[in-house]
Amino acid sequence: MVLFVCFYYFSLFSLLSLKLENETKGKLEKQICQVVLDHFEKQYTTELGDTWASVRDVLTYPLCWQYAVLLNKFSQSAELENTLHVKGYLPAFQGPLLYRPASLSCYIRRTPGRFPAQKHQAGKLKEYYLLNAASLLPVLALEVKDGEDVLDLCAAPGGKSVAMLQCAYPGRFHCNEYDDLRSRWLKQTIESFIPDPLIDLITVSKLDGRQMGDLKPELYDKVLVDAPCSNDRSWLFSSDIQQAMLRLIRRKELSSLQFQLLRSAIKALRPGGSLVYSTCTLSKAENSDVIDLILNSCSNVMPVDISEMAKAVSQEFTFFSGTQQHELLVIPEKGRAWGPMYVAKLKKM
């Protein structure tokens, strides 16, 4: 009788576990937008070749995604760092980077999972920012120094702005976001991470980035253009098929917008200043094609070699091999599920 009862409960437990596993798998499968996946399948098989299969496996399986923890130097906590160590997090960017401010502290771990997020509380600074670790590469490539005038042209939701302010104290820091909803999100992010004395030195605007160069000609030493793009991770999980199809139709227009933003940013840049362009898509049309067009049409800019930076962080990230020295493309793989993230650096002569 005892044996029968044990067998019964074991069988029941196995059935429940199998049901839960199937439900979880089903939810993941339901979340994936087949229209977008089919589109990506066709495009990225051509552009990435055999690499696409392993990238697709990561992008379509959120349970293997990883999240980094960027510490806020304005709200430091030794207890937080101890907790991160206990949970298996280790400091990122330990390679021989030429530019890695000691004040920029980021923790990552190889295993999937997400550290608990902190809610926004008026008047209280957050201790950390959760992000895709590859999002910090544009910041490292820009090499912001104390006293420089900096423009973050498409700044929302604000993670890269926060990261730049962990690195240095700019003379003038201008965060711009054209979209009204995203602009409010940007303001809240800055309020959550930056103390009042420094916030007073930050300008937040809602200007059309395509007009910034004419409005603020040659005003900045460094410009970041983290351009609006086809966000591969989020698009794959579009719940609204009509919205997904509309996105794919409008996708062809994004490269034109990105080119116009870059051209405007170059106008806003002082001679001798540096510009970093980044996206979170694998799309060649939105990445290297846009940069090539800028280099071919703007005689006053030149590419900047960032291959040494890529080598220095090769322990943390996997890079696509088909890029030039002034650009890099982070491709996600299991155990290093960071990206997609495209980064290119230019200098105004």
Protein backbone atom coordinates (compact mmCIF):
# COMPACT_ATOMS: atom_id res chain seq x y z
CA MET A 1 0.00 0.00 0.00
CA VAL A 2 2.80 2.39 0.97
CA LEU A 3 4.58 1.54 -2.27
CA PHE A 4 1.40 2.24 -4.25
CA VAL A 5 0.90 5.63 -2.55
CA CYS A 6 4.54 6.59 -3.21
CA PHE A 7 4.20 5.56 -6.84
CA TYR A 8 0.94 7.52 -7.13
CA TYR A 9 2.46 10.75 -5.79
CA PHE A 10 5.62 10.29 -7.84
CA SER A 11 3.49 9.87 -10.98
CA LEU A 12 1.37 12.90 -10.05
CA PHE A 13 4.47 15.00 -9.42
CA SER A 14 5.96 13.94 -12.75
CA LEU A 15 2.75 14.82 -14.60
CA LEU A 16 2.56 18.23 -12.90
CA SER A 17 6.22 18.92 -13.69
CA LEU A 18 5.71 17.93 -17.31
CA LYS A 19 2.58 20.09 -17.52
CA LEU A 20 4.43 23.07 -16.05
CA GLU A 21 7.34 22.55 -18.42
CA ASN A 22 5.01 22.34 -21.41
CA GLU A 23 3.08 25.43 -20.28
CA THR A 24 6.31 27.39 -19.88
CA LYS A 25 7.51 26.21 -23.26
CA GLY A 26 4.13 27.02 -24.76
CA LYS A 27 4.18 30.52 -23.34
CA LEU A 28 7.63 31.11 -24.79
CA GLU A 29 6.52 29.80 -28.15
CA LYS A 30 3.35 31.93 -28.05
CA GLN A 31 5.39 35.02 -27.25
CA ILE A 32 7.52 34.68 -30.35
CA CYS A 33 6.09 36.62 -33.29
CA GLN A 34 6.37 34.28 -36.27
CA VAL A 35 6.07 37.11 -38.80
CA VAL A 36 9.14 38.82 -37.34
CA LEU A 37 11.05 35.57 -36.93
CA ASP A 38 10.44 34.63 -40.57
CA HIS A 39 11.65 38.07 -41.66
CA PHE A 40 14.79 37.80 -39.52
CA GLU A 41 15.38 34.25 -40.70
CA LYS A 42 15.53 35.36 -44.31
CA GLN A 43 17.63 38.48 -43.71
CA TYR A 44 20.10 37.26 -41.11
CA THR A 45 20.78 33.90 -42.73
CA THR A 46 22.08 35.95 -45.66
CA GLU A 47 23.97 38.51 -43.58
CA LEU A 48 25.35 36.33 -40.76
CA GLY A 49 25.56 32.94 -42.46
CA ASP A 50 25.94 29.94 -40.14
CA THR A 51 26.27 32.28 -37.14
CA TRP A 52 22.57 33.16 -37.29
CA ALA A 53 21.41 29.72 -36.09
CA SER A 54 23.12 30.03 -32.69
CA VAL A 55 22.16 33.72 -32.38
CA ARG A 56 18.52 32.83 -33.11
CA ASP A 57 18.56 30.16 -30.38
CA VAL A 58 19.53 32.81 -27.81
CA LEU A 59 17.23 35.59 -29.01
CA THR A 60 14.18 33.32 -29.06
CA TYR A 61 14.79 31.83 -25.60
CA PRO A 62 14.60 34.56 -22.90
CA LEU A 63 15.35 32.07 -20.12
CA CYS A 64 19.01 32.10 -21.18
CA TRP A 65 19.30 35.91 -21.27
CA GLN A 66 21.71 37.64 -18.89
CA TYR A 67 21.59 41.04 -17.22
CA ALA A 68 24.43 43.19 -15.94
CA VAL A 69 24.36 45.37 -12.82
CA LEU A 70 25.81 48.87 -13.23
CA LEU A 71 26.56 50.36 -9.82
CA ASN A 72 25.67 53.98 -9.12
CA LYS A 73 28.72 55.78 -7.72
CA PHE A 74 26.43 58.48 -6.33
CA SER A 75 24.68 55.92 -4.08
CA GLN A 76 27.40 53.45 -3.16
CA SER A 77 26.73 50.38 -1.02
CA ALA A 78 29.32 47.88 0.19
CA GLU A 79 26.47 45.58 1.16
CA LEU A 80 25.27 45.51 -2.45
CA GLU A 81 28.70 44.48 -3.74
CA ASN A 82 28.86 41.69 -1.14
CA THR A 83 25.43 40.45 -2.24
CA LEU A 84 26.53 40.44 -5.87
CA HIS A 85 29.64 38.41 -5.03
CA VAL A 86 27.53 35.88 -3.10
CA LYS A 87 25.19 35.50 -6.09
CA GLY A 88 28.11 34.78 -8.43
CA TYR A 89 28.55 38.21 -10.03
CA LEU A 90 32.05 39.36 -10.93
CA PRO A 91 33.42 42.74 -12.10
CA ALA A 92 33.24 43.22 -15.88
CA PHE A 93 35.86 44.76 -18.16
CA GLN A 94 38.98 43.40 -16.49
CA GLY A 95 40.98 43.31 -19.75
CA PRO A 96 43.66 45.88 -20.72
CA LEU A 97 41.25 48.66 -21.68
CA LEU A 98 42.85 52.01 -22.50
CA TYR A 99 39.73 53.77 -21.23
CA ARG A 100 38.06 52.31 -18.17
CA PRO A 101 37.42 54.83 -15.38
CA ALA A 102 37.67 53.29 -11.91
CA SER A 103 34.33 54.93 -11.12
CA LEU A 104 32.57 52.80 -13.76
CA SER A 105 31.66 49.64 -11.87
CA CYS A 106 29.66 46.90 -13.58
CA TYR A 107 29.01 43.32 -12.48
CA ILE A 108 28.10 40.34 -14.66
CA ARG A 109 27.77 36.58 -14.29
CA ARG A 110 27.79 33.73 -16.80
CA THR A 111 24.54 32.14 -15.68
CA PRO A 112 21.14 33.47 -16.84
CA GLY A 113 18.93 35.46 -14.55
CA ARG A 114 18.04 38.97 -13.55
CA PHE A 115 18.94 40.81 -10.34
CA PRO A 116 15.83 42.36 -8.69
CA ALA A 117 14.97 45.79 -10.10
CA GLN A 118 14.62 48.85 -7.87
CA LYS A 119 11.49 51.01 -8.07
CA HIS A 120 11.66 54.74 -8.65
CA GLN A 121 11.25 56.71 -5.40
CA ALA A 122 11.11 60.49 -5.50
CA GLY A 123 14.06 62.01 -3.64
CA LYS A 124 15.95 58.71 -3.29
CA LEU A 125 18.76 57.56 -5.58
CA LYS A 126 18.85 54.02 -6.91
CA GLU A 127 21.92 51.93 -6.15
CA TYR A 128 22.19 50.23 -9.53
CA TYR A 129 20.93 50.06 -13.11
CA LEU A 130 20.11 46.76 -14.84
CA LEU A 131 21.17 46.56 -18.47
CA ASN A 132 22.55 44.49 -21.31
CA ALA A 133 26.32 44.64 -20.65
CA ALA A 134 26.99 45.33 -24.35
CA SER A 135 25.18 48.66 -23.88
CA LEU A 136 28.28 49.96 -22.11
CA LEU A 137 30.53 49.48 -25.14
CA PRO A 138 29.38 52.71 -26.86
CA VAL A 139 30.15 54.55 -23.61
CA LEU A 140 33.63 53.02 -23.38
CA ALA A 141 34.26 53.81 -27.06
CA LEU A 142 33.27 57.47 -26.59
CA GLU A 143 35.92 57.99 -23.84
CA VAL A 144 34.24 60.92 -22.08
CA LYS A 145 36.64 63.01 -19.96
CA ASP A 146 36.09 65.57 -17.21
CA GLY A 147 35.16 69.02 -18.49
CA GLU A 148 34.14 67.94 -21.99
CA ASP A 149 30.87 69.08 -23.53
CA VAL A 150 28.81 65.99 -24.33
CA LEU A 151 25.62 65.36 -26.30
CA ASP A 152 23.54 62.18 -26.01
CA LEU A 153 21.37 62.75 -29.08
CA CYS A 154 18.80 59.93 -28.62
CA ALA A 155 19.14 59.46 -24.87
CA ALA A 156 16.04 57.57 -23.63
CA PRO A 157 15.64 55.48 -21.59
CA GLY A 158 18.82 56.95 -20.09
CA GLY A 159 21.11 54.02 -19.30
CA LYS A 160 23.99 55.27 -21.43
CA SER A 161 23.61 58.81 -20.04
CA VAL A 162 23.84 57.41 -16.51
CA ALA A 163 26.88 55.33 -17.51
CA MET A 164 28.67 58.35 -19.01
CA LEU A 165 28.11 60.27 -15.78
CA GLN A 166 29.68 57.36 -13.87
CA CYS A 167 32.79 57.86 -16.02
CA ALA A 168 33.36 61.62 -15.84
CA TYR A 169 31.97 65.04 -14.94
CA PRO A 170 31.27 66.76 -18.28
CA GLY A 171 31.46 70.52 -18.56
CA ARG A 172 28.09 70.51 -20.31
CA PHE A 173 25.88 67.43 -20.60
CA HIS A 174 22.96 67.56 -23.01
CA CYS A 175 20.47 64.67 -23.10
CA ASN A 176 17.98 64.83 -25.94
CA GLU A 177 14.93 62.68 -26.67
CA TYR A 178 12.36 63.66 -29.31
CA ASP A 179 9.56 61.25 -28.27
CA ASP A 180 7.40 62.71 -25.50
CA LEU A 181 6.80 59.48 -23.56
CA ARG A 182 10.43 58.39 -23.79
CA SER A 183 11.54 61.89 -22.75
CA ARG A 184 9.56 61.57 -19.51
CA TRP A 185 11.18 58.15 -18.99
CA LEU A 186 14.60 59.74 -19.52
CA LYS A 187 13.94 62.47 -16.95
CA GLN A 188 12.84 59.89 -14.37
CA THR A 189 15.98 57.81 -14.99
CA ILE A 190 18.23 60.84 -14.43
CA GLU A 191 16.32 61.78 -11.27
CA SER A 192 16.72 58.21 -10.00
CA PHE A 193 20.51 58.07 -10.42
CA ILE A 194 22.01 61.56 -10.41
CA PRO A 195 22.20 63.85 -7.32
CA ASP A 196 20.78 67.38 -7.39
CA PRO A 197 24.02 69.39 -7.75
CA LEU A 198 24.94 67.44 -10.89
CA ILE A 199 21.39 67.37 -12.26
CA ASP A 200 21.54 71.18 -12.40
CA LEU A 201 24.34 70.87 -14.98
CA ILE A 202 22.32 68.51 -17.22
CA THR A 203 20.11 69.81 -20.02
CA VAL A 204 17.22 67.58 -21.07
CA SER A 205 15.52 68.55 -24.34
CA LYS A 206 12.88 67.20 -26.73
CA LEU A 207 14.35 68.47 -30.00
CA ASP A 208 14.22 66.68 -33.35
CA GLY A 209 17.70 65.15 -33.48
CA ARG A 210 17.85 65.75 -37.24
CA GLN A 211 17.86 69.52 -36.53
CA MET A 212 20.35 69.49 -33.64
CA GLY A 213 23.36 70.25 -35.84
CA ASP A 214 21.73 73.41 -37.20
CA LEU A 215 20.52 74.48 -33.75
CA LYS A 216 23.78 73.71 -31.90
CA PRO A 217 26.58 73.88 -34.50
CA GLU A 218 30.05 72.72 -33.39
CA LEU A 219 29.12 72.92 -29.70
CA TYR A 220 30.19 69.48 -28.40
CA ASP A 221 33.45 67.58 -27.88
CA LYS A 222 31.74 64.18 -27.82
CA VAL A 223 28.44 62.99 -29.29
CA LEU A 224 26.67 59.68 -28.79
CA VAL A 225 24.08 58.67 -31.39
CA ASP A 226 22.34 55.61 -29.94
CA ALA A 227 19.96 55.61 -32.85
CA PRO A 228 16.34 54.45 -33.06
CA CYS A 229 16.56 51.02 -34.68
CA SER A 230 14.78 47.73 -35.19
CA ASN A 231 15.25 46.27 -31.72
CA ASP A 232 15.74 42.59 -32.53
CA ARG A 233 15.08 41.29 -29.01
CA SER A 234 11.82 43.12 -28.39
CA TRP A 235 10.49 42.83 -31.96
CA LEU A 236 10.71 39.03 -31.79
CA PHE A 237 8.17 39.09 -28.97
CA SER A 238 5.64 41.52 -30.49
CA SER A 239 2.24 40.51 -29.12
CA ASP A 240 0.37 42.52 -31.77
CA ILE A 241 0.87 40.99 -35.24
CA GLN A 242 -0.45 44.09 -37.02
CA GLN A 243 2.02 46.27 -35.11
CA ALA A 244 4.81 43.81 -35.95
CA MET A 245 3.96 43.93 -39.66
CA LEU A 246 3.85 47.73 -39.58
CA ARG A 247 7.27 47.77 -37.92
CA LEU A 248 8.71 45.54 -40.62
CA ILE A 249 7.29 47.80 -43.35
CA ARG A 250 8.73 50.92 -41.69
CA ARG A 251 12.04 49.15 -41.07
CA LYS A 252 13.21 50.18 -44.54
CA GLU A 253 12.89 53.85 -43.54
CA LEU A 254 15.09 53.56 -40.43
CA SER A 255 18.43 53.74 -42.25
CA SER A 256 17.41 57.10 -43.77
CA LEU A 257 16.51 58.45 -40.30
CA GLN A 258 19.77 57.12 -38.85
CA PHE A 259 21.79 58.77 -41.64
CA GLN A 260 20.07 62.12 -41.01
CA LEU A 261 20.71 61.86 -37.25
CA LEU A 262 24.37 61.10 -37.87
CA ARG A 263 24.78 63.98 -40.30
CA SER A 264 23.17 66.32 -37.75
CA ALA A 265 25.44 64.99 -34.99
CA ILE A 266 28.52 65.68 -37.11
CA LYS A 267 27.39 69.30 -37.51
CA ALA A 268 26.98 69.56 -33.73
CA LEU A 269 30.49 68.19 -33.17
CA ARG A 270 33.51 70.46 -32.81
CA PRO A 271 36.47 69.88 -35.15
CA GLY A 272 38.68 67.26 -33.50
CA GLY A 273 35.71 65.85 -31.60
CA SER A 274 34.60 62.21 -31.55
CA LEU A 275 31.28 60.57 -32.32
CA VAL A 276 30.01 57.08 -31.51
CA TYR A 277 27.09 55.52 -33.36
CA SER A 278 25.31 52.50 -31.88
CA THR A 279 22.22 50.34 -32.39
CA CYS A 280 20.79 47.19 -30.80
CA THR A 281 20.11 45.43 -34.10
CA LEU A 282 22.02 42.95 -36.26
CA SER A 283 20.80 44.62 -39.45
CA LYS A 284 23.58 45.55 -41.86
CA ALA A 285 21.33 48.19 -43.46
CA GLU A 286 21.10 50.03 -40.11
CA ASN A 287 24.71 49.46 -39.08
CA SER A 288 27.71 49.35 -41.40
CA ASP A 289 25.73 50.53 -44.44
CA VAL A 290 24.79 53.75 -42.62
CA ILE A 291 28.38 54.36 -41.51
CA ASP A 292 29.72 53.66 -45.00
CA LEU A 293 27.25 56.16 -46.44
CA ILE A 294 28.36 58.81 -43.94
CA LEU A 295 32.05 58.20 -44.67
CA ASN A 296 31.41 58.41 -48.41
CA SER A 297 29.29 61.57 -48.22
CA CYS A 298 30.96 63.58 -45.44
CA SER A 299 34.55 64.56 -46.26
CA ASN A 300 35.16 66.03 -42.79
CA VAL A 301 34.93 62.77 -40.84
CA MET A 302 37.24 59.79 -40.58
CA PRO A 303 36.87 56.33 -38.99
CA VAL A 304 38.55 55.60 -35.64
CA ASP A 305 40.05 52.18 -34.96
CA ILE A 306 38.31 50.48 -31.98
CA SER A 307 39.67 46.98 -32.59
CA GLU A 308 41.92 47.16 -29.50
CA MET A 309 38.89 47.87 -27.32
CA ALA A 310 37.15 44.84 -28.83
CA LYS A 311 40.18 42.64 -28.03
CA ALA A 312 40.26 43.91 -24.44
CA VAL A 313 36.64 42.85 -23.81
CA SER A 314 36.71 39.63 -25.83
CA GLN A 315 36.42 37.60 -22.59
CA GLU A 316 32.98 39.08 -21.97
CA PHE A 317 31.57 39.36 -25.51
CA THR A 318 31.37 37.48 -28.79
CA PHE A 319 31.94 39.60 -31.89
CA PHE A 320 30.89 39.00 -35.48
CA SER A 321 34.00 38.59 -37.60
CA GLY A 322 32.80 40.48 -40.69
CA THR A 323 33.37 44.06 -39.46
CA GLN A 324 36.00 46.74 -40.09
CA GLN A 325 38.42 48.23 -37.54
CA HIS A 326 36.22 51.24 -36.78
CA GLU A 327 33.20 49.08 -35.89
CA LEU A 328 32.12 46.03 -33.91
CA LEU A 329 29.01 43.89 -33.65
CA VAL A 330 28.26 41.97 -30.46
CA ILE A 331 26.33 38.78 -31.18
CA PRO A 332 24.66 36.83 -28.34
CA GLU A 333 25.58 33.24 -27.55
CA LYS A 334 24.70 30.99 -24.61
CA GLY A 335 26.81 31.89 -21.59
CA ARG A 336 27.55 35.29 -23.17
CA ALA A 337 24.04 36.30 -24.14
CA TRP A 338 24.89 40.00 -24.58
CA GLY A 339 23.84 42.06 -27.57
CA PRO A 340 22.95 42.55 -30.31
CA MET A 341 24.96 45.76 -30.15
CA TYR A 342 26.61 47.58 -33.02
CA VAL A 343 29.22 50.27 -32.30
CA ALA A 344 31.15 52.51 -34.70
CA LYS A 345 33.44 55.47 -33.95
CA LEU A 346 34.17 58.53 -36.09
CA LYS A 347 36.23 61.69 -35.66
CA LYS A 348 35.60 65.12 -37.12
CA MET A 349 38.64 66.59 -38.83
